[in-house]
Every structure is written in structure tokens, then in C-alpha cells.
Amino acid sequence: MLSSNAKRKVERKAAKPKQASAPDSSVGHALRSVYEKAVEESIPQEMLDLLGKLK
């Protein structure tokens, strides 16, 4: 017969892993949104001038 501690360990191992929760998915959505906005921004002319001097 299993002790109560051993039973709890077996129950924990049998538990299914948690799926992504709503807060996790909203964080992912927010990060994607910020990334898309950054990608769409134009490069300032000063930066382009500095990059041109590197050639």
C-alpha cells in the first residue's frame, strides 16, 4: 500500500501539463504587434547617411 506522500507524487506525475493560458497568448500577440510596427517604420535619413559612410 502507498503512503499518502507516495500517492501525492503519483497524482502529480499523472497530471496533464497546462496549456497556454490567455495571458500568455495576449503577451505573444502584443509582442507580434510591436515587432510589426517596428518593421514597418522607415529608416531615418541620418542613419542611412551613416551607413553609406561605411562603404
PDB file of N, CA and C in Angstrom:
ATOM      1  N   MET A   1       0.838  -1.178   0.000  1.00  0.00           N
ATOM      2  CA  MET A   1       0.000   0.000   0.000  1.00  0.00           C
ATOM      3  C   MET A   1       0.888   1.249   0.000  1.00  0.00           C
ATOM      4  N   LEU A   2       0.501   2.267  -0.746  1.00  0.00           N
ATOM      5  CA  LEU A   2       1.274   3.503  -0.844  1.00  0.00           C
ATOM      6  C   LEU A   2       0.968   4.435   0.316  1.00  0.00           C
ATOM      7  N   SER A   3       2.001   5.116   0.776  1.00  0.00           N
ATOM      8  CA  SER A   3       1.787   6.130   1.809  1.00  0.00           C
ATOM      9  C   SER A   3       1.108   7.342   1.179  1.00  0.00           C
ATOM     10  N   SER A   4       0.625   8.243   2.003  1.00  0.00           N
ATOM     11  CA  SER A   4      -0.067   9.421   1.464  1.00  0.00           C
ATOM     12  C   SER A   4       0.886  10.291   0.640  1.00  0.00           C
ATOM     13  N   ASN A   5       2.163  10.386   1.039  1.00  0.00           N
ATOM     14  CA  ASN A   5       3.139  11.157   0.262  1.00  0.00           C
ATOM     15  C   ASN A   5       3.377  10.516  -1.091  1.00  0.00           C
ATOM     16  N   ALA A   6       3.481   9.193  -1.115  1.00  0.00           N
ATOM     17  CA  ALA A   6       3.703   8.487  -2.385  1.00  0.00           C
ATOM     18  C   ALA A   6       2.502   8.658  -3.298  1.00  0.00           C
ATOM     19  N   LYS A   7       1.299   8.638  -2.730  1.00  0.00           N
ATOM     20  CA  LYS A   7       0.086   8.825  -3.537  1.00  0.00           C
ATOM     21  C   LYS A   7       0.092  10.209  -4.189  1.00  0.00           C
ATOM     22  N   ARG A   8       0.496  11.228  -3.433  1.00  0.00           N
ATOM     23  CA  ARG A   8       0.527  12.592  -3.981  1.00  0.00           C
ATOM     24  C   ARG A   8       1.522  12.696  -5.128  1.00  0.00           C
ATOM     25  N   LYS A   9       2.683  12.028  -4.989  1.00  0.00           N
ATOM     26  CA  LYS A   9       3.687  12.060  -6.051  1.00  0.00           C
ATOM     27  C   LYS A   9       3.137  11.419  -7.318  1.00  0.00           C
ATOM     28  N   VAL A  10       2.436  10.305  -7.168  1.00  0.00           N
ATOM     29  CA  VAL A  10       1.848   9.629  -8.322  1.00  0.00           C
ATOM     30  C   VAL A  10       0.799  10.522  -8.962  1.00  0.00           C
ATOM     31  N   GLU A  11      -0.017  11.185  -8.156  1.00  0.00           N
ATOM     32  CA  GLU A  11      -1.052  12.066  -8.688  1.00  0.00           C
ATOM     33  C   GLU A  11      -0.438  13.239  -9.441  1.00  0.00           C
ATOM     34  N   ARG A  12       0.659  13.797  -8.918  1.00  0.00           N
ATOM     35  CA  ARG A  12       1.315  14.917  -9.602  1.00  0.00           C
ATOM     36  C   ARG A  12       1.870  14.490 -10.948  1.00  0.00           C
ATOM     37  N   LYS A  13       2.481  13.298 -10.993  1.00  0.00           N
ATOM     38  CA  LYS A  13       3.050  12.812 -12.254  1.00  0.00           C
ATOM     39  C   LYS A  13       1.956  12.540 -13.273  1.00  0.00           C
ATOM     40  N   ALA A  14       0.786  12.110 -12.810  1.00  0.00           N
ATOM     41  CA  ALA A  14      -0.307  11.780 -13.712  1.00  0.00           C
ATOM     42  C   ALA A  14      -1.009  13.022 -14.240  1.00  0.00           C
ATOM     43  N   ALA A  15      -0.802  14.160 -13.592  1.00  0.00           N
ATOM     44  CA  ALA A  15      -1.475  15.395 -14.019  1.00  0.00           C
ATOM     45  C   ALA A  15      -0.993  15.796 -15.402  1.00  0.00           C
ATOM     46  N   LYS A  16      -1.905  16.275 -16.204  1.00  0.00           N
ATOM     47  CA  LYS A  16      -1.563  16.716 -17.563  1.00  0.00           C
ATOM     48  C   LYS A  16      -0.875  18.072 -17.509  1.00  0.00           C
ATOM     49  N   PRO A  17       0.067  18.332 -18.432  1.00  0.00           N
ATOM     50  CA  PRO A  17       0.700  19.660 -18.460  1.00  0.00           C
ATOM     51  C   PRO A  17      -0.317  20.733 -18.811  1.00  0.00           C
ATOM     52  N   LYS A  18      -0.110  21.908 -18.255  1.00  0.00           N
ATOM     53  CA  LYS A  18      -1.024  23.019 -18.512  1.00  0.00           C
ATOM     54  C   LYS A  18      -0.855  23.531 -19.936  1.00  0.00           C
ATOM     55  N   GLN A  19      -1.951  23.891 -20.541  1.00  0.00           N
ATOM     56  CA  GLN A  19      -1.908  24.505 -21.863  1.00  0.00           C
ATOM     57  C   GLN A  19      -1.669  25.996 -21.704  1.00  0.00           C
ATOM     58  N   ALA A  20      -1.289  26.653 -22.793  1.00  0.00           N
ATOM     59  CA  ALA A  20      -1.043  28.102 -22.757  1.00  0.00           C
ATOM     60  C   ALA A  20      -2.302  28.814 -22.275  1.00  0.00           C
ATOM     61  N   SER A  21      -2.120  29.687 -21.328  1.00  0.00           N
ATOM     62  CA  SER A  21      -3.265  30.417 -20.792  1.00  0.00           C
ATOM     63  C   SER A  21      -3.496  31.696 -21.584  1.00  0.00           C
ATOM     64  N   ALA A  22      -4.600  32.319 -21.358  1.00  0.00           N
ATOM     65  CA  ALA A  22      -4.954  33.547 -22.072  1.00  0.00           C
ATOM     66  C   ALA A  22      -3.923  34.658 -21.880  1.00  0.00           C
ATOM     67  N   PRO A  23      -3.383  34.876 -20.655  1.00  0.00           N
ATOM     68  CA  PRO A  23      -2.375  35.939 -20.512  1.00  0.00           C
ATOM     69  C   PRO A  23      -1.139  35.678 -21.375  1.00  0.00           C
ATOM     70  N   ASP A  24      -0.727  34.412 -21.510  1.00  0.00           N
ATOM     71  CA  ASP A  24       0.427  34.100 -22.346  1.00  0.00           C
ATOM     72  C   ASP A  24       0.151  34.439 -23.801  1.00  0.00           C
ATOM     73  N   SER A  25      -1.034  34.114 -24.284  1.00  0.00           N
ATOM     74  CA  SER A  25      -1.338  34.383 -25.678  1.00  0.00           C
ATOM     75  C   SER A  25      -1.487  35.880 -25.932  1.00  0.00           C
ATOM     76  N   SER A  26      -1.984  36.624 -24.952  1.00  0.00           N
ATOM     77  CA  SER A  26      -2.114  38.073 -25.147  1.00  0.00           C
ATOM     78  C   SER A  26      -0.737  38.738 -25.161  1.00  0.00           C
ATOM     79  N   VAL A  27       0.204  38.216 -24.382  1.00  0.00           N
ATOM     80  CA  VAL A  27       1.569  38.747 -24.401  1.00  0.00           C
ATOM     81  C   VAL A  27       2.195  38.471 -25.765  1.00  0.00           C
ATOM     82  N   GLY A  28       2.005  37.280 -26.277  1.00  0.00           N
ATOM     83  CA  GLY A  28       2.528  36.942 -27.594  1.00  0.00           C
ATOM     84  C   GLY A  28       1.951  37.833 -28.679  1.00  0.00           C
ATOM     85  N   HIS A  29       0.666  38.094 -28.588  1.00  0.00           N
ATOM     86  CA  HIS A  29       0.006  38.975 -29.565  1.00  0.00           C
ATOM     87  C   HIS A  29       0.580  40.383 -29.476  1.00  0.00           C
ATOM     88  N   ALA A  30       0.793  40.873 -28.253  1.00  0.00           N
ATOM     89  CA  ALA A  30       1.336  42.222 -28.063  1.00  0.00           C
ATOM     90  C   ALA A  30       2.752  42.310 -28.622  1.00  0.00           C
ATOM     91  N   LEU A  31       3.565  41.283 -28.384  1.00  0.00           N
ATOM     92  CA  LEU A  31       4.932  41.290 -28.909  1.00  0.00           C
ATOM     93  C   LEU A  31       4.945  41.283 -30.438  1.00  0.00           C
ATOM     94  N   ARG A  32       4.069  40.477 -31.037  1.00  0.00           N
ATOM     95  CA  ARG A  32       3.997  40.449 -32.505  1.00  0.00           C
ATOM     96  C   ARG A  32       3.587  41.808 -33.050  1.00  0.00           C
ATOM     97  N   SER A  33       2.652  42.464 -32.385  1.00  0.00           N
ATOM     98  CA  SER A  33       2.176  43.770 -32.821  1.00  0.00           C
ATOM     99  C   SER A  33       3.291  44.810 -32.769  1.00  0.00           C
ATOM    100  N   VAL A  34       4.038  44.826 -31.672  1.00  0.00           N
ATOM    101  CA  VAL A  34       5.146  45.781 -31.530  1.00  0.00           C
ATOM    102  C   VAL A  34       6.215  45.507 -32.587  1.00  0.00           C
ATOM    103  N   TYR A  35       6.517  44.230 -32.832  1.00  0.00           N
ATOM    104  CA  TYR A  35       7.509  43.867 -33.844  1.00  0.00           C
ATOM    105  C   TYR A  35       7.072  44.350 -35.218  1.00  0.00           C
ATOM    106  N   GLU A  36       5.820  44.108 -35.570  1.00  0.00           N
ATOM    107  CA  GLU A  36       5.316  44.535 -36.880  1.00  0.00           C
ATOM    108  C   GLU A  36       5.420  46.048 -37.041  1.00  0.00           C
ATOM    109  N   LYS A  37       5.096  46.795 -35.999  1.00  0.00           N
ATOM    110  CA  LYS A  37       5.196  48.254 -36.073  1.00  0.00           C
ATOM    111  C   LYS A  37       6.642  48.694 -36.276  1.00  0.00           C
ATOM    112  N   ALA A  38       7.577  48.034 -35.603  1.00  0.00           N
ATOM    113  CA  ALA A  38       8.997  48.388 -35.733  1.00  0.00           C
ATOM    114  C   ALA A  38       9.501  48.078 -37.140  1.00  0.00           C
ATOM    115  N   VAL A  39       9.066  46.966 -37.705  1.00  0.00           N
ATOM    116  CA  VAL A  39       9.496  46.584 -39.050  1.00  0.00           C
ATOM    117  C   VAL A  39       8.960  47.567 -40.087  1.00  0.00           C
ATOM    118  N   GLU A  40       7.765  48.084 -39.866  1.00  0.00           N
ATOM    119  CA  GLU A  40       7.147  48.999 -40.823  1.00  0.00           C
ATOM    120  C   GLU A  40       7.715  50.411 -40.772  1.00  0.00           C
ATOM    121  N   GLU A  41       8.433  50.759 -39.700  1.00  0.00           N
ATOM    122  CA  GLU A  41       8.982  52.114 -39.582  1.00  0.00           C
ATOM    123  C   GLU A  41      10.040  52.356 -40.655  1.00  0.00           C
ATOM    124  N   SER A  42      10.088  53.592 -41.135  1.00  0.00           N
ATOM    125  CA  SER A  42      11.118  53.934 -42.110  1.00  0.00           C
ATOM    126  C   SER A  42      12.440  54.205 -41.386  1.00  0.00           C
ATOM    127  N   ILE A  43      13.533  54.034 -42.116  1.00  0.00           N
ATOM    128  CA  ILE A  43      14.859  54.283 -41.549  1.00  0.00           C
ATOM    129  C   ILE A  43      15.159  55.769 -41.695  1.00  0.00           C
ATOM    130  N   PRO A  44      15.534  56.449 -40.605  1.00  0.00           N
ATOM    131  CA  PRO A  44      15.824  57.883 -40.688  1.00  0.00           C
ATOM    132  C   PRO A  44      16.988  58.163 -41.657  1.00  0.00           C
ATOM    133  N   GLN A  45      16.907  59.272 -42.332  1.00  0.00           N
ATOM    134  CA  GLN A  45      17.927  59.636 -43.316  1.00  0.00           C
ATOM    135  C   GLN A  45      19.320  59.715 -42.684  1.00  0.00           C
ATOM    136  N   GLU A  46      19.409  60.198 -41.452  1.00  0.00           N
ATOM    137  CA  GLU A  46      20.712  60.285 -40.778  1.00  0.00           C
ATOM    138  C   GLU A  46      21.354  58.911 -40.649  1.00  0.00           C
ATOM    139  N   MET A  47      20.545  57.908 -40.355  1.00  0.00           N
ATOM    140  CA  MET A  47      21.060  56.543 -40.235  1.00  0.00           C
ATOM    141  C   MET A  47      21.518  56.024 -41.588  1.00  0.00           C
ATOM    142  N   LEU A  48      20.758  56.321 -42.632  1.00  0.00           N
ATOM    143  CA  LEU A  48      21.146  55.913 -43.964  1.00  0.00           C
ATOM    144  C   LEU A  48      22.456  56.581 -44.382  1.00  0.00           C
ATOM    145  N   ASP A  49      22.628  57.863 -44.023  1.00  0.00           N
ATOM    146  CA  ASP A  49      23.871  58.562 -44.326  1.00  0.00           C
ATOM    147  C   ASP A  49      25.050  57.909 -43.611  1.00  0.00           C
ATOM    148  N   LEU A  50      24.880  57.567 -42.345  1.00  0.00           N
ATOM    149  CA  LEU A  50      25.957  56.919 -41.590  1.00  0.00           C
ATOM    150  C   LEU A  50      26.300  55.551 -42.197  1.00  0.00           C
ATOM    151  N   LEU A  51      25.295  54.804 -42.593  1.00  0.00           N
ATOM    152  CA  LEU A  51      25.539  53.504 -43.205  1.00  0.00           C
ATOM    153  C   LEU A  51      26.268  53.656 -44.540  1.00  0.00           C
ATOM    154  N   GLY A  52      25.915  54.722 -45.270  1.00  0.00           N
ATOM    155  CA  GLY A  52      26.590  54.982 -46.546  1.00  0.00           C
ATOM    156  C   GLY A  52      28.067  55.288 -46.373  1.00  0.00           C
ATOM    157  N   LYS A  53      28.453  55.888 -45.260  1.00  0.00           N
ATOM    158  CA  LYS A  53      29.860  56.202 -44.998  1.00  0.00           C
ATOM    159  C   LYS A  53      30.683  54.973 -44.685  1.00  0.00           C
ATOM    160  N   LEU A  54      30.047  53.878 -44.336  1.00  0.00           N
ATOM    161  CA  LEU A  54      30.762  52.650 -44.001  1.00  0.00           C
ATOM    162  C   LEU A  54      31.300  51.938 -45.244  1.00  0.00           C
ATOM    163  N   LYS A  55      30.763  52.241 -46.385  1.00  0.00           N
ATOM    164  CA  LYS A  55      31.191  51.549 -47.626  1.00  0.00           C
ATOM    165  C   LYS A  55      32.517  52.018 -48.110  1.00  0.00           C
TER     166      LYS A  55
END
